[in-house]
Amino acid sequence: MKKFSYSALVTALLLPATAVLAQQKMGDMKPMDSAMKPLAEAQATHKATGVVKKVDPKTGVVTLSHEAVISMNWPPMTMGFMVNDKMLLDRLPVGKKVDFEFVQSTKGHVITAIK
């Protein structure tokens, strides 16, 4: 009889602790809808117009003096953008005015299209 009483007491004492641990683990989980979005949907494409100031084929970066980017709430500025395709850099002489699209990624700001 004493063995049963001890077992019942231990079980009764441990049950709330497991519930608390389970609740903490659930709180650490990210919402499923954001975890399942494709990467392309998560990245907004921004459009801008600018002038090529510098091209660095080695690093794959083009420096542009661009107009305001409304979608990013950016004022006009000069900054470097990475390119996915370094072949784009061959068509970008310094001084050329371009329209371009870019995304913000873990690498930085990456040009996806340029005309």
PDB file of N, CA and C in Angstrom:
ATOM      1  N   MET A   1       0.817  -1.184   0.000  1.00  0.00           N
ATOM      2  CA  MET A   1       0.000   0.000   0.000  1.00  0.00           C
ATOM      3  C   MET A   1       0.864   1.252   0.000  1.00  0.00           C
ATOM      4  N   LYS A   2       2.000   1.226   0.768  1.00  0.00           N
ATOM      5  CA  LYS A   2       2.874   2.390   0.837  1.00  0.00           C
ATOM      6  C   LYS A   2       3.525   2.668  -0.517  1.00  0.00           C
ATOM      7  N   LYS A   3       3.878   1.600  -1.261  1.00  0.00           N
ATOM      8  CA  LYS A   3       4.484   1.782  -2.574  1.00  0.00           C
ATOM      9  C   LYS A   3       3.520   2.512  -3.500  1.00  0.00           C
ATOM     10  N   PHE A   4       2.268   2.138  -3.462  1.00  0.00           N
ATOM     11  CA  PHE A   4       1.262   2.787  -4.299  1.00  0.00           C
ATOM     12  C   PHE A   4       1.097   4.244  -3.907  1.00  0.00           C
ATOM     13  N   SER A   5       1.114   4.557  -2.642  1.00  0.00           N
ATOM     14  CA  SER A   5       0.956   5.928  -2.162  1.00  0.00           C
ATOM     15  C   SER A   5       2.124   6.798  -2.618  1.00  0.00           C
ATOM     16  N   TYR A   6       3.334   6.260  -2.522  1.00  0.00           N
ATOM     17  CA  TYR A   6       4.501   7.026  -2.958  1.00  0.00           C
ATOM     18  C   TYR A   6       4.466   7.270  -4.476  1.00  0.00           C
ATOM     19  N   SER A   7       4.083   6.238  -5.208  1.00  0.00           N
ATOM     20  CA  SER A   7       4.001   6.382  -6.653  1.00  0.00           C
ATOM     21  C   SER A   7       2.957   7.414  -7.040  1.00  0.00           C
ATOM     22  N   ALA A   8       1.829   7.381  -6.404  1.00  0.00           N
ATOM     23  CA  ALA A   8       0.763   8.346  -6.686  1.00  0.00           C
ATOM     24  C   ALA A   8       1.213   9.754  -6.321  1.00  0.00           C
ATOM     25  N   LEU A   9       1.918   9.906  -5.210  1.00  0.00           N
ATOM     26  CA  LEU A   9       2.398  11.209  -4.765  1.00  0.00           C
ATOM     27  C   LEU A   9       3.433  11.768  -5.752  1.00  0.00           C
ATOM     28  N   VAL A  10       4.383  10.952  -6.183  1.00  0.00           N
ATOM     29  CA  VAL A  10       5.412  11.389  -7.126  1.00  0.00           C
ATOM     30  C   VAL A  10       4.767  11.790  -8.453  1.00  0.00           C
ATOM     31  N   THR A  11       3.835  11.002  -8.930  1.00  0.00           N
ATOM     32  CA  THR A  11       3.142  11.312 -10.182  1.00  0.00           C
ATOM     33  C   THR A  11       2.374  12.627 -10.068  1.00  0.00           C
ATOM     34  N   ALA A  12       1.693  12.804  -8.964  1.00  0.00           N
ATOM     35  CA  ALA A  12       0.918  14.027  -8.756  1.00  0.00           C
ATOM     36  C   ALA A  12       1.823  15.249  -8.699  1.00  0.00           C
ATOM     37  N   LEU A  13       3.016  15.100  -8.156  1.00  0.00           N
ATOM     38  CA  LEU A  13       3.942  16.227  -8.062  1.00  0.00           C
ATOM     39  C   LEU A  13       4.623  16.541  -9.393  1.00  0.00           C
ATOM     40  N   LEU A  14       4.880  15.541 -10.204  1.00  0.00           N
ATOM     41  CA  LEU A  14       5.571  15.746 -11.472  1.00  0.00           C
ATOM     42  C   LEU A  14       4.652  16.192 -12.605  1.00  0.00           C
ATOM     43  N   LEU A  15       3.387  15.898 -12.538  1.00  0.00           N
ATOM     44  CA  LEU A  15       2.459  16.237 -13.607  1.00  0.00           C
ATOM     45  C   LEU A  15       2.416  17.727 -13.925  1.00  0.00           C
ATOM     46  N   PRO A  16       2.309  18.633 -12.941  1.00  0.00           N
ATOM     47  CA  PRO A  16       2.317  20.065 -13.282  1.00  0.00           C
ATOM     48  C   PRO A  16       3.639  20.535 -13.895  1.00  0.00           C
ATOM     49  N   ALA A  17       4.748  19.938 -13.478  1.00  0.00           N
ATOM     50  CA  ALA A  17       6.046  20.340 -14.014  1.00  0.00           C
ATOM     51  C   ALA A  17       6.148  20.003 -15.503  1.00  0.00           C
ATOM     52  N   THR A  18       5.643  18.855 -15.912  1.00  0.00           N
ATOM     53  CA  THR A  18       5.703  18.498 -17.334  1.00  0.00           C
ATOM     54  C   THR A  18       4.804  19.410 -18.161  1.00  0.00           C
ATOM     55  N   ALA A  19       3.683  19.826 -17.595  1.00  0.00           N
ATOM     56  CA  ALA A  19       2.796  20.742 -18.309  1.00  0.00           C
ATOM     57  C   ALA A  19       3.466  22.094 -18.523  1.00  0.00           C
ATOM     58  N   VAL A  20       4.183  22.569 -17.521  1.00  0.00           N
ATOM     59  CA  VAL A  20       4.889  23.844 -17.630  1.00  0.00           C
ATOM     60  C   VAL A  20       5.986  23.752 -18.689  1.00  0.00           C
ATOM     61  N   LEU A  21       6.750  22.661 -18.691  1.00  0.00           N
ATOM     62  CA  LEU A  21       7.805  22.475 -19.690  1.00  0.00           C
ATOM     63  C   LEU A  21       7.223  22.404 -21.097  1.00  0.00           C
ATOM     64  N   ALA A  22       6.128  21.715 -21.256  1.00  0.00           N
ATOM     65  CA  ALA A  22       5.502  21.616 -22.570  1.00  0.00           C
ATOM     66  C   ALA A  22       5.020  22.976 -23.038  1.00  0.00           C
ATOM     67  N   GLN A  23       4.474  23.765 -22.141  1.00  0.00           N
ATOM     68  CA  GLN A  23       3.983  25.093 -22.486  1.00  0.00           C
ATOM     69  C   GLN A  23       5.139  25.996 -22.907  1.00  0.00           C
ATOM     70  N   GLN A  24       6.283  25.901 -22.232  1.00  0.00           N
ATOM     71  CA  GLN A  24       7.442  26.707 -22.589  1.00  0.00           C
ATOM     72  C   GLN A  24       7.934  26.343 -23.979  1.00  0.00           C
ATOM     73  N   LYS A  25       7.959  25.082 -24.323  1.00  0.00           N
ATOM     74  CA  LYS A  25       8.424  24.650 -25.640  1.00  0.00           C
ATOM     75  C   LYS A  25       7.494  25.158 -26.732  1.00  0.00           C
ATOM     76  N   MET A  26       6.201  25.156 -26.497  1.00  0.00           N
ATOM     77  CA  MET A  26       5.247  25.653 -27.480  1.00  0.00           C
ATOM     78  C   MET A  26       5.443  27.146 -27.705  1.00  0.00           C
ATOM     79  N   GLY A  27       5.815  27.888 -26.663  1.00  0.00           N
ATOM     80  CA  GLY A  27       6.029  29.320 -26.791  1.00  0.00           C
ATOM     81  C   GLY A  27       7.248  29.651 -27.637  1.00  0.00           C
ATOM     82  N   ASP A  28       8.194  28.719 -27.732  1.00  0.00           N
ATOM     83  CA  ASP A  28       9.409  28.933 -28.524  1.00  0.00           C
ATOM     84  C   ASP A  28       9.179  28.727 -30.016  1.00  0.00           C
ATOM     85  N   MET A  29       8.077  28.096 -30.389  1.00  0.00           N
ATOM     86  CA  MET A  29       7.831  27.779 -31.799  1.00  0.00           C
ATOM     87  C   MET A  29       7.431  29.024 -32.575  1.00  0.00           C
ATOM     88  N   LYS A  30       7.884  29.097 -33.826  1.00  0.00           N
ATOM     89  CA  LYS A  30       7.493  30.180 -34.719  1.00  0.00           C
ATOM     90  C   LYS A  30       6.142  29.839 -35.332  1.00  0.00           C
ATOM     91  N   PRO A  31       5.356  30.836 -35.687  1.00  0.00           N
ATOM     92  CA  PRO A  31       4.076  30.554 -36.342  1.00  0.00           C
ATOM     93  C   PRO A  31       4.295  29.790 -37.638  1.00  0.00           C
ATOM     94  N   MET A  32       3.445  28.842 -37.899  1.00  0.00           N
ATOM     95  CA  MET A  32       3.603  27.985 -39.071  1.00  0.00           C
ATOM     96  C   MET A  32       3.452  28.751 -40.382  1.00  0.00           C
ATOM     97  N   ASP A  33       2.554  29.732 -40.432  1.00  0.00           N
ATOM     98  CA  ASP A  33       2.334  30.413 -41.699  1.00  0.00           C
ATOM     99  C   ASP A  33       3.566  31.166 -42.164  1.00  0.00           C
ATOM    100  N   SER A  34       4.327  31.780 -41.249  1.00  0.00           N
ATOM    101  CA  SER A  34       5.529  32.497 -41.666  1.00  0.00           C
ATOM    102  C   SER A  34       6.674  31.534 -41.966  1.00  0.00           C
ATOM    103  N   ALA A  35       6.706  30.399 -41.294  1.00  0.00           N
ATOM    104  CA  ALA A  35       7.774  29.428 -41.530  1.00  0.00           C
ATOM    105  C   ALA A  35       7.606  28.731 -42.872  1.00  0.00           C
ATOM    106  N   MET A  36       6.393  28.690 -43.388  1.00  0.00           N
ATOM    107  CA  MET A  36       6.134  27.952 -44.615  1.00  0.00           C
ATOM    108  C   MET A  36       6.084  28.841 -45.849  1.00  0.00           C
ATOM    109  N   LYS A  37       6.245  30.154 -45.705  1.00  0.00           N
ATOM    110  CA  LYS A  37       6.237  31.040 -46.872  1.00  0.00           C
ATOM    111  C   LYS A  37       7.479  30.800 -47.705  1.00  0.00           C
ATOM    112  N   PRO A  38       7.331  30.744 -48.997  1.00  0.00           N
ATOM    113  CA  PRO A  38       8.520  30.622 -49.842  1.00  0.00           C
ATOM    114  C   PRO A  38       9.392  31.861 -49.708  1.00  0.00           C
ATOM    115  N   LEU A  39      10.684  31.679 -49.876  1.00  0.00           N
ATOM    116  CA  LEU A  39      11.632  32.781 -49.736  1.00  0.00           C
ATOM    117  C   LEU A  39      11.314  33.921 -50.688  1.00  0.00           C
ATOM    118  N   ALA A  40      10.887  33.624 -51.893  1.00  0.00           N
ATOM    119  CA  ALA A  40      10.597  34.678 -52.871  1.00  0.00           C
ATOM    120  C   ALA A  40       9.456  35.571 -52.402  1.00  0.00           C
ATOM    121  N   GLU A  41       8.464  34.994 -51.731  1.00  0.00           N
ATOM    122  CA  GLU A  41       7.361  35.804 -51.231  1.00  0.00           C
ATOM    123  C   GLU A  41       7.808  36.697 -50.089  1.00  0.00           C
ATOM    124  N   ALA A  42       8.748  36.222 -49.296  1.00  0.00           N
ATOM    125  CA  ALA A  42       9.203  36.985 -48.140  1.00  0.00           C
ATOM    126  C   ALA A  42      10.038  38.191 -48.564  1.00  0.00           C
ATOM    127  N   GLN A  43      10.653  38.142 -49.737  1.00  0.00           N
ATOM    128  CA  GLN A  43      11.492  39.232 -50.216  1.00  0.00           C
ATOM    129  C   GLN A  43      10.701  40.155 -51.129  1.00  0.00           C
ATOM    130  N   ALA A  44      10.555  41.387 -50.719  1.00  0.00           N
ATOM    131  CA  ALA A  44       9.887  42.386 -51.564  1.00  0.00           C
ATOM    132  C   ALA A  44      10.879  42.913 -52.588  1.00  0.00           C
ATOM    133  N   THR A  45      10.400  43.145 -53.794  1.00  0.00           N
ATOM    134  CA  THR A  45      11.235  43.729 -54.841  1.00  0.00           C
ATOM    135  C   THR A  45      11.013  45.234 -54.848  1.00  0.00           C
ATOM    136  N   HIS A  46      12.113  45.980 -54.847  1.00  0.00           N
ATOM    137  CA  HIS A  46      12.066  47.433 -54.831  1.00  0.00           C
ATOM    138  C   HIS A  46      12.600  47.951 -56.169  1.00  0.00           C
ATOM    139  N   LYS A  47      12.039  49.074 -56.641  1.00  0.00           N
ATOM    140  CA  LYS A  47      12.456  49.652 -57.918  1.00  0.00           C
ATOM    141  C   LYS A  47      13.040  51.037 -57.686  1.00  0.00           C
ATOM    142  N   ALA A  48      14.063  51.368 -58.478  1.00  0.00           N
ATOM    143  CA  ALA A  48      14.699  52.681 -58.348  1.00  0.00           C
ATOM    144  C   ALA A  48      15.385  53.055 -59.655  1.00  0.00           C
ATOM    145  N   THR A  49      15.778  54.320 -59.730  1.00  0.00           N
ATOM    146  CA  THR A  49      16.543  54.843 -60.850  1.00  0.00           C
ATOM    147  C   THR A  49      17.818  55.444 -60.283  1.00  0.00           C
ATOM    148  N   GLY A  50      18.925  55.229 -60.970  1.00  0.00           N
ATOM    149  CA  GLY A  50      20.190  55.761 -60.476  1.00  0.00           C
ATOM    150  C   GLY A  50      21.219  55.910 -61.575  1.00  0.00           C
ATOM    151  N   VAL A  51      22.389  56.398 -61.187  1.00  0.00           N
ATOM    152  CA  VAL A  51      23.510  56.585 -62.099  1.00  0.00           C
ATOM    153  C   VAL A  51      24.682  55.747 -61.585  1.00  0.00           C
ATOM    154  N   VAL A  52      25.301  55.001 -62.496  1.00  0.00           N
ATOM    155  CA  VAL A  52      26.435  54.151 -62.135  1.00  0.00           C
ATOM    156  C   VAL A  52      27.627  55.039 -61.776  1.00  0.00           C
ATOM    157  N   LYS A  53      28.160  54.827 -60.580  1.00  0.00           N
ATOM    158  CA  LYS A  53      29.331  55.587 -60.119  1.00  0.00           C
ATOM    159  C   LYS A  53      30.603  54.753 -60.130  1.00  0.00           C
ATOM    160  N   LYS A  54      30.462  53.453 -59.877  1.00  0.00           N
ATOM    161  CA  LYS A  54      31.636  52.576 -59.810  1.00  0.00           C
ATOM    162  C   LYS A  54      31.182  51.137 -60.035  1.00  0.00           C
ATOM    163  N   VAL A  55      32.037  50.348 -60.691  1.00  0.00           N
ATOM    164  CA  VAL A  55      31.765  48.934 -60.921  1.00  0.00           C
ATOM    165  C   VAL A  55      32.965  48.136 -60.431  1.00  0.00           C
ATOM    166  N   ASP A  56      32.715  47.158 -59.574  1.00  0.00           N
ATOM    167  CA  ASP A  56      33.794  46.310 -59.056  1.00  0.00           C
ATOM    168  C   ASP A  56      33.490  44.851 -59.404  1.00  0.00           C
ATOM    169  N   PRO A  57      34.019  44.379 -60.559  1.00  0.00           N
ATOM    170  CA  PRO A  57      33.733  43.008 -60.991  1.00  0.00           C
ATOM    171  C   PRO A  57      34.249  41.942 -60.023  1.00  0.00           C
ATOM    172  N   LYS A  58      35.328  42.250 -59.318  1.00  0.00           N
ATOM    173  CA  LYS A  58      35.906  41.276 -58.399  1.00  0.00           C
ATOM    174  C   LYS A  58      34.931  40.915 -57.271  1.00  0.00           C
ATOM    175  N   THR A  59      34.298  41.921 -56.691  1.00  0.00           N
ATOM    176  CA  THR A  59      33.379  41.692 -55.572  1.00  0.00           C
ATOM    177  C   THR A  59      31.927  41.553 -56.029  1.00  0.00           C
ATOM    178  N   GLY A  60      31.644  41.891 -57.288  1.00  0.00           N
ATOM    179  CA  GLY A  60      30.282  41.807 -57.786  1.00  0.00           C
ATOM    180  C   GLY A  60      29.395  42.913 -57.248  1.00  0.00           C
ATOM    181  N   VAL A  61      30.003  44.100 -57.054  1.00  0.00           N
ATOM    182  CA  VAL A  61      29.262  45.238 -56.494  1.00  0.00           C
ATOM    183  C   VAL A  61      29.290  46.404 -57.475  1.00  0.00           C
ATOM    184  N   VAL A  62      28.128  47.032 -57.643  1.00  0.00           N
ATOM    185  CA  VAL A  62      28.028  48.246 -58.440  1.00  0.00           C
ATOM    186  C   VAL A  62      27.572  49.358 -57.495  1.00  0.00           C
ATOM    187  N   THR A  63      28.251  50.491 -57.549  1.00  0.00           N
ATOM    188  CA  THR A  63      27.880  51.642 -56.724  1.00  0.00           C
ATOM    189  C   THR A  63      26.998  52.550 -57.564  1.00  0.00           C
ATOM    190  N   LEU A  64      25.811  52.849 -57.019  1.00  0.00           N
ATOM    191  CA  LEU A  64      24.837  53.671 -57.726  1.00  0.00           C
ATOM    192  C   LEU A  64      24.468  54.888 -56.893  1.00  0.00           C
ATOM    193  N   SER A  65      24.314  56.012 -57.555  1.00  0.00           N
ATOM    194  CA  SER A  65      23.759  57.206 -56.936  1.00  0.00           C
ATOM    195  C   SER A  65      22.290  57.182 -57.341  1.00  0.00           C
ATOM    196  N   HIS A  66      21.417  56.781 -56.411  1.00  0.00           N
ATOM    197  CA  HIS A  66      20.020  56.563 -56.784  1.00  0.00           C
ATOM    198  C   HIS A  66      19.081  57.614 -56.208  1.00  0.00           C
ATOM    199  N   GLU A  67      17.943  57.717 -56.866  1.00  0.00           N
ATOM    200  CA  GLU A  67      16.880  58.603 -56.404  1.00  0.00           C
ATOM    201  C   GLU A  67      16.226  57.981 -55.163  1.00  0.00           C
ATOM    202  N   ALA A  68      15.270  58.671 -54.585  1.00  0.00           N
ATOM    203  CA  ALA A  68      14.559  58.146 -53.417  1.00  0.00           C
ATOM    204  C   ALA A  68      13.900  56.809 -53.764  1.00  0.00           C
ATOM    205  N   VAL A  69      13.937  55.875 -52.806  1.00  0.00           N
ATOM    206  CA  VAL A  69      13.276  54.581 -52.961  1.00  0.00           C
ATOM    207  C   VAL A  69      12.097  54.589 -51.985  1.00  0.00           C
ATOM    208  N   ILE A  70      10.932  54.872 -52.509  1.00  0.00           N
ATOM    209  CA  ILE A  70       9.732  55.043 -51.691  1.00  0.00           C
ATOM    210  C   ILE A  70       9.406  53.782 -50.901  1.00  0.00           C
ATOM    211  N   SER A  71       9.512  52.618 -51.535  1.00  0.00           N
ATOM    212  CA  SER A  71       9.151  51.358 -50.869  1.00  0.00           C
ATOM    213  C   SER A  71      10.060  51.032 -49.686  1.00  0.00           C
ATOM    214  N   MET A  72      11.259  51.613 -49.656  1.00  0.00           N
ATOM    215  CA  MET A  72      12.188  51.385 -48.546  1.00  0.00           C
ATOM    216  C   MET A  72      12.243  52.591 -47.598  1.00  0.00           C
ATOM    217  N   ASN A  73      11.532  53.652 -47.975  1.00  0.00           N
ATOM    218  CA  ASN A  73      11.554  54.898 -47.204  1.00  0.00           C
ATOM    219  C   ASN A  73      12.972  55.477 -47.148  1.00  0.00           C
ATOM    220  N   TRP A  74      13.679  55.381 -48.283  1.00  0.00           N
ATOM    221  CA  TRP A  74      15.048  55.872 -48.396  1.00  0.00           C
ATOM    222  C   TRP A  74      15.073  57.215 -49.119  1.00  0.00           C
ATOM    223  N   PRO A  75      15.913  58.122 -48.669  1.00  0.00           N
ATOM    224  CA  PRO A  75      16.141  59.347 -49.440  1.00  0.00           C
ATOM    225  C   PRO A  75      17.140  59.046 -50.566  1.00  0.00           C
ATOM    226  N   PRO A  76      17.360  59.993 -51.483  1.00  0.00           N
ATOM    227  CA  PRO A  76      18.397  59.779 -52.497  1.00  0.00           C
ATOM    228  C   PRO A  76      19.755  59.581 -51.810  1.00  0.00           C
ATOM    229  N   MET A  77      20.560  58.674 -52.327  1.00  0.00           N
ATOM    230  CA  MET A  77      21.883  58.420 -51.751  1.00  0.00           C
ATOM    231  C   MET A  77      22.747  57.650 -52.733  1.00  0.00           C
ATOM    232  N   THR A  78      24.009  57.493 -52.388  1.00  0.00           N
ATOM    233  CA  THR A  78      24.946  56.695 -53.166  1.00  0.00           C
ATOM    234  C   THR A  78      25.339  55.500 -52.322  1.00  0.00           C
ATOM    235  N   MET A  79      25.209  54.311 -52.892  1.00  0.00           N
ATOM    236  CA  MET A  79      25.531  53.090 -52.145  1.00  0.00           C
ATOM    237  C   MET A  79      25.862  51.952 -53.091  1.00  0.00           C
ATOM    238  N   GLY A  80      26.475  50.915 -52.534  1.00  0.00           N
ATOM    239  CA  GLY A  80      26.832  49.735 -53.304  1.00  0.00           C
ATOM    240  C   GLY A  80      25.735  48.687 -53.268  1.00  0.00           C
ATOM    241  N   PHE A  81      25.499  48.065 -54.406  1.00  0.00           N
ATOM    242  CA  PHE A  81      24.544  46.979 -54.531  1.00  0.00           C
ATOM    243  C   PHE A  81      25.277  45.767 -55.072  1.00  0.00           C
ATOM    244  N   MET A  82      24.970  44.609 -54.538  1.00  0.00           N
ATOM    245  CA  MET A  82      25.522  43.362 -55.070  1.00  0.00           C
ATOM    246  C   MET A  82      24.684  42.942 -56.266  1.00  0.00           C
ATOM    247  N   VAL A  83      25.257  42.104 -57.124  1.00  0.00           N
ATOM    248  CA  VAL A  83      24.513  41.541 -58.247  1.00  0.00           C
ATOM    249  C   VAL A  83      24.606  40.024 -58.165  1.00  0.00           C
ATOM    250  N   ASN A  84      23.524  39.351 -58.498  1.00  0.00           N
ATOM    251  CA  ASN A  84      23.544  37.885 -58.532  1.00  0.00           C
ATOM    252  C   ASN A  84      24.365  37.391 -59.712  1.00  0.00           C
ATOM    253  N   ASP A  85      24.229  38.095 -60.824  1.00  0.00           N
ATOM    254  CA  ASP A  85      24.897  37.702 -62.058  1.00  0.00           C
ATOM    255  C   ASP A  85      25.967  38.746 -62.391  1.00  0.00           C
ATOM    256  N   LYS A  86      27.233  38.390 -62.229  1.00  0.00           N
ATOM    257  CA  LYS A  86      28.322  39.343 -62.485  1.00  0.00           C
ATOM    258  C   LYS A  86      28.403  39.756 -63.952  1.00  0.00           C
ATOM    259  N   MET A  87      27.739  39.026 -64.842  1.00  0.00           N
ATOM    260  CA  MET A  87      27.710  39.392 -66.259  1.00  0.00           C
ATOM    261  C   MET A  87      26.988  40.733 -66.452  1.00  0.00           C
ATOM    262  N   LEU A  88      26.099  41.082 -65.526  1.00  0.00           N
ATOM    263  CA  LEU A  88      25.404  42.370 -65.597  1.00  0.00           C
ATOM    264  C   LEU A  88      26.390  43.534 -65.544  1.00  0.00           C
ATOM    265  N   LEU A  89      27.481  43.343 -64.857  1.00  0.00           N
ATOM    266  CA  LEU A  89      28.450  44.428 -64.663  1.00  0.00           C
ATOM    267  C   LEU A  89      29.103  44.868 -65.970  1.00  0.00           C
ATOM    268  N   ASP A  90      29.163  43.960 -66.952  1.00  0.00           N
ATOM    269  CA  ASP A  90      29.761  44.298 -68.244  1.00  0.00           C
ATOM    270  C   ASP A  90      28.950  45.364 -68.991  1.00  0.00           C
ATOM    271  N   ARG A  91      27.664  45.470 -68.673  1.00  0.00           N
ATOM    272  CA  ARG A  91      26.777  46.415 -69.377  1.00  0.00           C
ATOM    273  C   ARG A  91      26.600  47.716 -68.604  1.00  0.00           C
ATOM    274  N   LEU A  92      27.438  47.968 -67.610  1.00  0.00           N
ATOM    275  CA  LEU A  92      27.240  49.135 -66.755  1.00  0.00           C
ATOM    276  C   LEU A  92      28.437  50.077 -66.754  1.00  0.00           C
ATOM    277  N   PRO A  93      28.560  50.893 -67.782  1.00  0.00           N
ATOM    278  CA  PRO A  93      29.664  51.861 -67.768  1.00  0.00           C
ATOM    279  C   PRO A  93      29.386  52.974 -66.763  1.00  0.00           C
ATOM    280  N   VAL A  94      30.437  53.506 -66.185  1.00  0.00           N
ATOM    281  CA  VAL A  94      30.313  54.606 -65.228  1.00  0.00           C
ATOM    282  C   VAL A  94      29.636  55.786 -65.929  1.00  0.00           C
ATOM    283  N   GLY A  95      28.671  56.395 -65.254  1.00  0.00           N
ATOM    284  CA  GLY A  95      27.945  57.533 -65.794  1.00  0.00           C
ATOM    285  C   GLY A  95      26.614  57.171 -66.435  1.00  0.00           C
ATOM    286  N   LYS A  96      26.353  55.884 -66.647  1.00  0.00           N
ATOM    287  CA  LYS A  96      25.112  55.458 -67.302  1.00  0.00           C
ATOM    288  C   LYS A  96      23.937  55.549 -66.322  1.00  0.00           C
ATOM    289  N   LYS A  97      22.809  56.089 -66.786  1.00  0.00           N
ATOM    290  CA  LYS A  97      21.583  56.151 -65.988  1.00  0.00           C
ATOM    291  C   LYS A  97      20.837  54.831 -66.173  1.00  0.00           C
ATOM    292  N   VAL A  98      20.405  54.217 -65.069  1.00  0.00           N
ATOM    293  CA  VAL A  98      19.765  52.906 -65.127  1.00  0.00           C
ATOM    294  C   VAL A  98      18.509  52.869 -64.256  1.00  0.00           C
ATOM    295  N   ASP A  99      17.574  52.026 -64.680  1.00  0.00           N
ATOM    296  CA  ASP A  99      16.435  51.650 -63.846  1.00  0.00           C
ATOM    297  C   ASP A  99      16.762  50.256 -63.341  1.00  0.00           C
ATOM    298  N   PHE A 100      16.560  50.018 -62.049  1.00  0.00           N
ATOM    299  CA  PHE A 100      16.920  48.715 -61.510  1.00  0.00           C
ATOM    300  C   PHE A 100      15.926  48.257 -60.454  1.00  0.00           C
ATOM    301  N   GLU A 101      15.947  46.944 -60.238  1.00  0.00           N
ATOM    302  CA  GLU A 101      15.143  46.314 -59.199  1.00  0.00           C
ATOM    303  C   GLU A 101      16.094  45.588 -58.262  1.00  0.00           C
ATOM    304  N   PHE A 102      15.755  45.602 -56.976  1.00  0.00           N
ATOM    305  CA  PHE A 102      16.602  44.912 -56.014  1.00  0.00           C
ATOM    306  C   PHE A 102      15.766  44.335 -54.886  1.00  0.00           C
ATOM    307  N   VAL A 103      16.365  43.392 -54.184  1.00  0.00           N
ATOM    308  CA  VAL A 103      15.754  42.800 -52.997  1.00  0.00           C
ATOM    309  C   VAL A 103      16.728  42.949 -51.838  1.00  0.00           C
ATOM    310  N   GLN A 104      16.171  42.921 -50.658  1.00  0.00           N
ATOM    311  CA  GLN A 104      16.998  42.948 -49.455  1.00  0.00           C
ATOM    312  C   GLN A 104      17.126  41.504 -48.998  1.00  0.00           C
ATOM    313  N   SER A 105      18.364  41.007 -48.910  1.00  0.00           N
ATOM    314  CA  SER A 105      18.578  39.615 -48.523  1.00  0.00           C
ATOM    315  C   SER A 105      19.589  39.549 -47.400  1.00  0.00           C
ATOM    316  N   THR A 106      19.925  38.351 -47.005  1.00  0.00           N
ATOM    317  CA  THR A 106      20.924  38.179 -45.952  1.00  0.00           C
ATOM    318  C   THR A 106      22.303  38.659 -46.404  1.00  0.00           C
ATOM    319  N   LYS A 107      22.534  38.692 -47.733  1.00  0.00           N
ATOM    320  CA  LYS A 107      23.800  39.179 -48.287  1.00  0.00           C
ATOM    321  C   LYS A 107      23.879  40.699 -48.287  1.00  0.00           C
ATOM    322  N   GLY A 108      22.731  41.336 -48.272  1.00  0.00           N
ATOM    323  CA  GLY A 108      22.667  42.803 -48.401  1.00  0.00           C
ATOM    324  C   GLY A 108      21.601  43.146 -49.420  1.00  0.00           C
ATOM    325  N   HIS A 109      21.817  44.216 -50.151  1.00  0.00           N
ATOM    326  CA  HIS A 109      20.873  44.650 -51.191  1.00  0.00           C
ATOM    327  C   HIS A 109      21.392  44.132 -52.522  1.00  0.00           C
ATOM    328  N   VAL A 110      20.570  43.300 -53.162  1.00  0.00           N
ATOM    329  CA  VAL A 110      21.003  42.569 -54.353  1.00  0.00           C
ATOM    330  C   VAL A 110      20.136  42.969 -55.548  1.00  0.00           C
ATOM    331  N   ILE A 111      20.795  43.442 -56.612  1.00  0.00           N
ATOM    332  CA  ILE A 111      20.093  43.804 -57.848  1.00  0.00           C
ATOM    333  C   ILE A 111      19.651  42.531 -58.551  1.00  0.00           C
ATOM    334  N   THR A 112      18.369  42.507 -58.898  1.00  0.00           N
ATOM    335  CA  THR A 112      17.813  41.346 -59.599  1.00  0.00           C
ATOM    336  C   THR A 112      17.557  41.645 -61.067  1.00  0.00           C
ATOM    337  N   ALA A 113      17.404  42.922 -61.418  1.00  0.00           N
ATOM    338  CA  ALA A 113      17.211  43.333 -62.823  1.00  0.00           C
ATOM    339  C   ALA A 113      17.709  44.750 -62.987  1.00  0.00           C
ATOM    340  N   ILE A 114      18.287  45.027 -64.167  1.00  0.00           N
ATOM    341  CA  ILE A 114      18.792  46.379 -64.427  1.00  0.00           C
ATOM    342  C   ILE A 114      18.665  46.673 -65.921  1.00  0.00           C
ATOM    343  N   LYS A 115      18.225  47.906 -66.254  1.00  0.00           N
ATOM    344  CA  LYS A 115      18.043  48.308 -67.663  1.00  0.00           C
ATOM    345  C   LYS A 115      18.672  49.665 -67.881  1.00  0.00           C
TER     346      LYS A 115
END
